[in-house]
């Protein structure tokens, strides 16, 4: 088998094409992994936000028991309404 310039160029083109395909596959896989990580992070943030909301609601209810009405009652109603709407989605 005789190796000339055309054979070398063909081999280089083939290697370049294979490299481009593998690079594209790796980029797609990396993007997929990043999306999964973001989904996990969002789930953790939602759980934390839920706990914080319950804490704020408990504080507001404590204030209401101490006789602080007005905007406290309004805030409690809004939080409870929001929580009920989210629970039934």
Protein backbone atom coordinates (compact mmCIF):
# COMPACT_ATOMS: atom_id res chain seq x y z
CA UNK A 1 0.00 0.00 0.00
CA UNK A 2 1.37 3.33 -1.05
CA UNK A 3 0.76 6.34 1.24
CA UNK A 4 0.53 9.59 -0.61
CA UNK A 5 -0.73 13.06 0.26
CA UNK A 6 -4.30 12.22 -0.70
CA UNK A 7 -4.38 9.26 1.70
CA UNK A 8 -3.02 11.40 4.52
CA UNK A 9 -5.60 14.12 3.83
CA UNK A 10 -8.41 11.56 3.77
CA UNK A 11 -7.27 10.09 7.08
CA UNK A 12 -7.02 13.56 8.61
CA UNK A 13 -10.51 14.43 7.39
CA UNK A 14 -11.87 11.19 8.84
CA UNK A 15 -10.18 11.82 12.19
CA UNK A 16 -11.50 15.38 12.21
CA UNK A 17 -15.05 14.21 11.50
CA UNK A 18 -14.87 11.54 14.21
CA UNK A 19 -13.47 14.12 16.64
CA UNK A 20 -16.27 16.55 15.82
CA UNK A 21 -18.93 13.87 16.33
CA UNK A 22 -17.41 12.77 19.64
CA UNK A 23 -17.13 16.40 20.74
CA UNK A 24 -20.79 16.97 19.95
CA UNK A 25 -21.81 13.85 21.86
CA UNK A 26 -19.72 14.89 24.84
CA UNK A 27 -21.25 18.37 24.79
CA UNK A 28 -24.76 16.89 24.70
CA UNK A 29 -23.95 14.55 27.57
CA UNK A 30 -22.47 17.40 29.62
CA UNK A 31 -25.59 19.50 29.01
CA UNK A 32 -27.79 16.58 30.10
CA UNK A 33 -25.78 16.14 33.30
CA UNK A 34 -26.00 19.87 34.02
CA UNK A 35 -29.79 19.79 33.58
CA UNK A 36 -30.09 16.91 36.04
CA UNK A 37 -27.96 18.78 38.57
CA UNK A 38 -30.13 21.87 38.16
CA UNK A 39 -33.27 19.80 38.69
CA UNK A 40 -31.84 18.43 41.93
CA UNK A 41 -30.85 21.92 43.07
CA UNK A 42 -34.31 23.30 42.29
CA UNK A 43 -35.95 20.48 44.23
CA UNK A 44 -33.73 21.20 47.25
CA UNK A 45 -34.51 24.93 47.02
CA UNK A 46 -38.24 24.23 46.91
CA UNK A 47 -38.00 22.07 50.02
CA UNK A 48 -36.04 24.77 51.81
CA UNK A 49 -38.51 27.44 50.71
CA UNK A 50 -41.36 25.31 52.04
CA UNK A 51 -39.69 25.08 55.45
CA UNK A 52 -39.03 28.81 55.50
CA UNK A 53 -42.65 29.52 54.59
CA UNK A 54 -43.88 27.33 57.44
CA UNK A 55 -41.53 29.16 59.78
CA UNK A 56 -42.78 32.57 58.68
CA UNK A 57 -46.36 31.38 58.99
CA UNK A 58 -45.69 30.15 62.53
CA UNK A 59 -44.17 33.51 63.45
CA UNK A 60 -47.13 35.36 62.02
CA UNK A 61 -49.56 33.14 63.90
CA UNK A 62 -47.61 33.82 67.07
CA UNK A 63 -47.92 37.54 66.46
CA UNK A 64 -51.63 37.16 65.85
CA UNK A 65 -52.03 35.32 69.16
CA UNK A 66 -50.30 38.25 70.84
CA UNK A 67 -52.99 40.54 69.48
CA UNK A 68 -51.19 41.97 66.45
CA UNK A 69 -53.93 41.94 63.84
CA UNK A 70 -54.25 43.98 60.69
CA UNK A 71 -51.48 43.25 58.24
CA UNK A 72 -50.49 40.11 60.19
CA UNK A 73 -53.91 38.56 59.57
CA UNK A 74 -53.75 39.61 55.94
CA UNK A 75 -50.31 38.04 55.51
CA UNK A 76 -51.45 34.81 57.16
CA UNK A 77 -54.45 34.62 54.85
CA UNK A 78 -52.30 35.24 51.76
CA UNK A 79 -49.72 32.62 52.74
CA UNK A 80 -52.37 30.02 53.55
CA UNK A 81 -54.21 30.76 50.30
CA UNK A 82 -50.98 30.41 48.33
CA UNK A 83 -50.09 27.16 50.08
CA UNK A 84 -53.53 25.71 49.36
CA UNK A 85 -53.33 26.71 45.70
CA UNK A 86 -49.88 25.16 45.33
CA UNK A 87 -50.99 21.97 47.05
CA UNK A 88 -53.83 21.48 44.59
CA UNK A 89 -51.92 22.05 41.36
